[in-house]
Amino acid sequence: MSETGDSDILMNGEEWFAKNWRLLLNAALVILVSVAVYNWMISRGAESASAAEKDLHGAISSNTTNLIQMALELNGVHMKYPDNSVGERALILSANIALQEGDYDTAKNRFESYLSKYKSDGDWLEEASLGQAICKETEGDTADAIIKYQSLTNSTVASIRQRSASLLEAAKVELAGLPSRPIPAKVELDSDKASKGENLKNNNIELPAPAPVDQK
């Protein structure tokens, strides 16, 4: 390239920079601000996750003898960090503990909250579905519980699959019920007695009274 050509490029470049330096400065500022905001969000997320983990472990360790209270505090951790993976874990733990302690109404509400909140990407959706089905069975809705157990027997998680199969068999037995009425026992008559009337009398069976004869 000739010296004249190099000189033209430099002159044109200086002229362009003189006209557009404000634009370049603004672009650089936008980039710097974006990087700063991104780093702040990452830092804030890490701090939030750390605080959530601390609260979770605090709830678990503070009430080892009162599981109902532990479940309540775990639910509080979820409510404080609903969009955090720790909050998700706290909710499923809270629901399972309530179920274990026989607080079925509370457990059902929390399982349903989990299924509603994390229905698209929850890590314990099948666990929550199984817990919900158990609660329904305790309420007497055995037929609906059986449908849910049946679907969960196809789970890819071995523990869910095995528990669902066991609960399904137990629920089917309970739903089977008893016959509508007992089968009457057959009365054996003594064949050595001389007359049918004596047979009936000795077996404490009374014949029905004869129908009245129409006297004409």
Foldseek 3Di string as FASTA:
>chain_A
DDPVVVVVVVVVVVVVCVVCVVVVVVVVVVVVVVVVVVVVVVVVVVVVQVVLVVQLVCLCPVCVPDLLSSLVSLCVSLVVCVPDLSSLVSLLSSLVSCVVVVVLVVNLVSLVVSCVSCVPPRPCVLVSLLSNLVSCVVVVVLVVSLVSLVVQCPDPDPVSNVVSVVVNVVSVVVVVDDPPDDDDDDDDFDPPDDDPVVRCVVVVHDDDDDDDDDDD
